[in-house]
Protein backbone atom coordinates (compact mmCIF):
# COMPACT_ATOMS: atom_id res chain seq x y z
CA MET A 1 -0.01 -0.03 0.04
CA ILE A 2 1.35 3.47 -0.85
CA TYR A 3 0.79 6.32 1.85
CA GLN A 4 0.26 9.61 0.66
CA SER A 5 1.16 12.79 2.16
CA GLU A 6 0.10 16.10 1.55
CA ILE A 7 2.33 19.16 0.42
CA THR A 8 2.25 22.88 -0.16
CA ILE A 9 3.90 24.20 -3.26
CA LYS A 10 3.76 27.98 -4.30
CA VAL A 11 2.33 28.54 -7.87
CA PRO A 12 0.89 31.37 -9.93
CA SER A 13 -2.54 32.32 -8.90
CA GLU A 14 -3.95 31.68 -12.19
CA VAL A 15 -3.01 28.04 -11.93
CA ALA A 16 -4.08 27.68 -8.19
CA GLU A 17 -7.47 28.90 -9.66
CA ALA A 18 -7.60 26.66 -12.83
CA TYR A 19 -6.44 23.69 -10.47
CA ARG A 20 -9.26 24.53 -7.86
CA ASN A 21 -11.82 24.81 -10.84
CA ALA A 22 -10.80 21.47 -12.33
CA THR A 23 -12.82 18.29 -11.89
CA GLU A 24 -11.63 15.72 -9.03
CA GLU A 25 -10.38 13.53 -11.94
CA VAL A 26 -8.04 16.22 -13.68
CA GLN A 27 -6.90 16.89 -10.30
CA LYS A 28 -5.96 13.56 -9.40
CA GLN A 29 -4.37 13.05 -12.97
CA LEU A 30 -2.29 16.47 -12.08
CA GLN A 31 -1.40 15.14 -8.58
CA LEU A 32 0.10 11.92 -10.42
CA LYS A 33 1.90 13.96 -12.96
CA ILE A 34 3.43 16.48 -10.38
CA ALA A 35 4.56 13.64 -8.03
CA ALA A 36 6.20 11.83 -10.97
CA ILE A 37 8.15 15.11 -11.75
CA ILE A 38 9.15 15.44 -8.27
CA GLN A 39 10.07 11.87 -7.76
CA SER A 40 12.54 12.24 -10.91
CA GLN A 41 14.42 14.95 -9.60
CA PHE A 42 15.64 12.88 -6.52
CA THR A 43 16.17 9.82 -8.67
CA THR A 44 20.09 8.94 -8.14
CA PRO A 45 22.40 7.97 -10.98
CA ARG A 46 22.79 4.79 -8.89
CA GLN A 47 19.09 3.82 -8.87
CA GLU A 48 18.94 4.56 -12.74
CA ALA A 49 21.97 2.12 -13.33
CA ILE A 50 20.33 -0.57 -11.06
CA ALA A 51 17.23 -0.01 -13.25
CA CYS A 52 18.97 -0.22 -16.47
CA PHE A 53 20.90 -3.35 -15.27
CA ARG A 54 17.56 -5.01 -14.25
CA LYS A 55 16.35 -4.31 -17.84
CA VAL A 56 19.41 -5.78 -19.37
CA MET A 57 19.30 -8.87 -17.14
CA ASP A 58 15.48 -9.48 -18.11
CA LYS A 59 16.08 -9.23 -21.76
CA ALA A 60 19.12 -11.56 -21.43
CA SER A 61 16.88 -13.97 -19.53
CA GLN A 62 14.09 -13.76 -21.66
CA GLU A 63 16.39 -14.35 -24.98
CA ALA A 64 18.04 -17.45 -23.37
CA GLN A 65 14.63 -18.57 -22.46
CA GLU A 66 13.47 -18.25 -26.18
CA GLN A 67 16.59 -20.22 -27.38
CA GLY A 68 15.84 -23.15 -24.87
CA LEU A 69 17.78 -22.44 -21.91
CA THR A 70 16.07 -24.19 -18.98
CA PRO A 71 17.01 -24.08 -15.22
CA GLU A 72 18.26 -27.77 -15.41
CA ILE A 73 20.52 -26.86 -18.57
CA LEU A 74 21.80 -23.73 -16.87
CA GLU A 75 22.62 -25.68 -13.37
CA SER A 76 24.18 -28.12 -15.71
CA ILE A 77 26.42 -25.65 -17.08
CA LEU A 78 27.10 -23.96 -13.76
CA ASN A 79 28.18 -26.98 -12.23
CA ASN A 80 30.64 -28.08 -14.91
CA ASP A 81 34.15 -27.73 -13.88
CA GLU A 82 35.69 -28.18 -17.18
């Protein structure tokens, strides 16, 4: 479960008024977009590298499975001392 907290940010008066006049659905969409923008500002290069590494590993795993590599074959390869 994701817990949400409220924050206050300063925006031009016109933006605040437009937000207050928006429908609840539009407000929710804007909240999600703003949260994503703020979160992206706190993403570290390490987190980006980890995410990239995971994508590469997932792709390699998928390609290996598509080419017939099974857990048993992999175990056999890893246990082969030659």
